[in-house]
Protein backbone atom coordinates (compact mmCIF):
# COMPACT_ATOMS: atom_id res chain seq x y z
CA UNK A 1 361.58 276.58 17.41
CA UNK A 2 363.20 275.94 21.02
CA UNK A 3 359.71 276.48 22.78
CA UNK A 4 358.03 273.87 20.20
CA UNK A 5 360.49 271.29 21.06
CA UNK A 6 360.10 271.51 24.51
CA UNK A 7 356.21 271.51 23.96
CA UNK A 8 356.69 268.14 21.78
CA UNK A 9 359.23 266.41 24.09
CA UNK A 10 356.88 266.18 26.99
CA UNK A 11 353.72 264.01 25.17
CA UNK A 12 356.77 261.95 23.50
CA UNK A 13 358.46 261.12 26.76
CA UNK A 14 355.44 260.23 28.54
CA UNK A 15 354.62 258.20 25.98
CA UNK A 16 357.67 256.44 25.40
CA UNK A 17 358.01 255.68 29.65
CA UNK A 18 354.21 253.92 29.09
CA UNK A 19 355.42 251.62 26.29
CA UNK A 20 358.67 250.88 28.14
CA UNK A 21 356.97 249.77 31.35
CA UNK A 22 353.94 248.02 29.66
CA UNK A 23 356.75 245.91 27.97
CA UNK A 24 358.19 245.23 31.42
CA UNK A 25 355.03 244.07 32.69
CA UNK A 26 354.17 241.67 29.28
CA UNK A 27 357.90 240.52 29.77
CA UNK A 28 357.23 239.86 33.34
CA UNK A 29 354.57 237.51 32.01
CA UNK A 30 356.56 235.45 29.15
CA UNK A 31 360.16 235.09 31.00
CA UNK A 32 360.37 233.57 34.22
CA UNK A 33 361.93 235.53 37.14
CA UNK A 34 361.15 238.66 35.81
CA UNK A 35 358.72 240.50 37.93
CA UNK A 36 357.45 242.81 35.90
CA UNK A 37 356.68 245.44 38.94
CA UNK A 38 354.09 243.21 40.39
CA UNK A 39 351.96 242.53 37.45
CA UNK A 40 352.98 239.09 37.16
CA UNK A 41 350.66 238.11 39.83
CA UNK A 42 347.92 238.78 37.95
CA UNK A 43 349.79 237.16 34.74
CA UNK A 44 350.00 234.04 36.67
CA UNK A 45 346.43 233.71 38.39
CA UNK A 46 345.36 230.68 37.76
CA UNK A 47 348.99 229.09 37.58
CA UNK A 48 349.45 226.67 40.63
CA UNK A 49 351.46 227.49 43.65
CA UNK A 50 353.01 224.44 44.48
CA UNK A 51 355.10 221.54 42.10
CA UNK A 52 353.08 218.52 40.48
CA UNK A 53 352.45 216.25 43.55
CA UNK A 54 353.47 218.35 46.07
CA UNK A 55 350.84 217.56 48.76
CA UNK A 56 350.95 213.48 47.70
CA UNK A 57 352.84 211.35 50.21
CA UNK A 58 356.51 209.84 49.67
CA UNK A 59 356.59 206.97 47.70
CA UNK A 60 358.51 204.51 50.12
CA UNK A 61 357.43 203.05 53.23
CA UNK A 62 358.71 205.60 56.60
CA UNK A 63 359.67 208.39 54.10
CA UNK A 64 357.69 211.90 55.06
CA UNK A 65 354.87 213.59 53.36
CA UNK A 66 356.79 215.82 50.48
CA UNK A 67 355.57 219.59 49.91
CA UNK A 68 357.15 221.75 47.35
CA UNK A 69 357.84 225.73 48.23
CA UNK A 70 358.74 227.40 45.02
CA UNK A 71 361.38 230.63 45.16
CA UNK A 72 360.17 233.07 41.92
CA UNK A 73 359.68 236.49 41.60
CA UNK A 74 361.52 237.13 45.09
CA UNK A 75 359.04 235.22 46.83
CA UNK A 76 358.21 231.76 48.17
CA UNK A 77 355.04 230.30 46.57
CA UNK A 78 353.27 229.29 48.45
CA UNK A 79 353.94 232.20 51.23
CA UNK A 80 352.12 230.86 54.33
CA UNK A 81 352.06 226.75 54.42
CA UNK A 82 350.49 224.72 57.00
CA UNK A 83 351.81 220.90 57.41
CA UNK A 84 351.79 218.04 59.78
CA UNK A 85 355.33 217.19 61.77
CA UNK A 86 357.29 214.41 59.52
CA UNK A 87 356.73 216.51 56.47
CA UNK A 88 359.68 217.34 54.33
CA UNK A 89 359.46 220.65 52.48
CA UNK A 90 361.66 221.03 49.22
CA UNK A 91 362.58 224.26 48.19
CA UNK A 92 363.28 225.02 44.59
CA UNK A 93 364.82 228.14 43.30
CA UNK A 94 363.24 229.27 40.08
CA UNK A 95 364.88 232.98 39.89
CA UNK A 96 367.57 233.66 37.99
CA UNK A 97 368.96 234.84 41.15
CA UNK A 98 370.42 233.36 43.98
CA UNK A 99 368.15 232.93 47.49
CA UNK A 100 368.45 231.14 50.47
CA UNK A 101 366.11 230.03 53.06
CA UNK A 102 366.33 231.04 56.66
CA UNK A 103 364.08 230.29 59.51
CA UNK A 104 364.33 232.74 61.98
CA UNK A 105 361.93 233.52 65.27
CA UNK A 106 360.86 236.73 63.49
CA UNK A 107 360.38 237.89 59.85
CA UNK A 108 363.40 239.92 60.69
CA UNK A 109 367.26 239.03 60.98
CA UNK A 110 369.28 239.08 64.08
CA UNK A 111 366.72 237.53 66.77
CA UNK A 112 367.72 233.81 67.95
CA UNK A 113 369.78 231.47 65.76
CA UNK A 114 367.69 229.89 63.23
CA UNK A 115 366.92 225.93 63.35
CA UNK A 116 367.87 225.78 59.78
CA UNK A 117 369.37 227.38 56.80
CA UNK A 118 369.92 226.48 53.45
CA UNK A 119 372.69 227.13 51.29
CA UNK A 120 372.80 229.60 48.65
CA UNK A 121 370.18 228.19 45.86
CA UNK A 122 371.01 229.03 42.44
CA UNK A 123 368.41 228.75 39.82
CA UNK A 124 367.42 225.09 39.46
CA UNK A 125 368.45 224.44 42.87
CA UNK A 126 366.69 222.27 45.88
CA UNK A 127 366.97 221.76 49.44
CA UNK A 128 364.84 220.13 51.46
CA UNK A 129 363.69 220.33 55.49
CA UNK A 130 361.94 217.63 57.31
CA UNK A 131 359.72 219.36 59.98
CA UNK A 132 359.86 217.24 63.18
CA UNK A 133 358.22 219.35 65.68
CA UNK A 134 355.15 221.12 66.11
CA UNK A 135 354.80 224.84 65.66
CA UNK A 136 355.39 228.09 63.61
CA UNK A 137 358.49 228.43 61.49
CA UNK A 138 358.77 232.14 60.31
CA UNK A 139 361.25 232.29 56.66
CA UNK A 140 363.33 234.53 55.06
CA UNK A 141 365.93 235.08 52.34
CA UNK A 142 368.24 236.95 53.84
CA UNK A 143 370.58 237.29 50.49
CA UNK A 144 371.53 240.64 49.50
CA UNK A 145 368.65 241.55 51.86
CA UNK A 146 365.69 240.04 49.77
CA UNK A 147 363.37 239.96 53.34
CA UNK A 148 363.67 243.49 52.56
CA UNK A 149 361.96 243.58 49.82
CA UNK A 150 359.15 241.10 51.32
CA UNK A 151 360.71 237.81 50.60
CA UNK A 152 359.55 236.42 53.99
CA UNK A 153 357.05 233.41 55.00
CA UNK A 154 355.66 231.20 57.59
CA UNK A 155 355.23 227.27 57.53
CA UNK A 156 353.14 225.86 60.32
CA UNK A 157 353.66 222.41 61.49
CA UNK A 158 350.56 220.63 63.51
CA UNK A 159 350.81 217.53 65.41
CA UNK A 160 350.09 214.64 62.47
CA UNK A 161 348.84 212.31 65.32
CA UNK A 162 345.29 214.00 64.90
């Protein structure tokens, strides 16, 4: 009877693990902030990566253009962004865990001092920065070494006088 139990335990164990992984994948599609082992990107196909009105100019005279970067599933959305000088970028944390936004000279920690570093952003928090000089600005999240899990991005700023 012992050998019979071992034989049956193998297939049931594999089936059980498959069901658990499938449940996590489905939950990743239904529960915001749950990654679902990278399967969420397939669930979000066709979804907008920026908040409504992200590319629209500001309302007041002299107010900069505003673009939104959403933080969800341990990623910046969009991960690469091209804007013009004078654009305000608003970072919105949609994850259930805390994040920050740190500019770095590379996508690694410990190089030059950052041009900017946001405070720790809890779920729903926003933080913005106006980019006044053209250049390339790699960004990372340094909370709990999230950059090592791929939480990196890049903002390219081009002159708006063209």
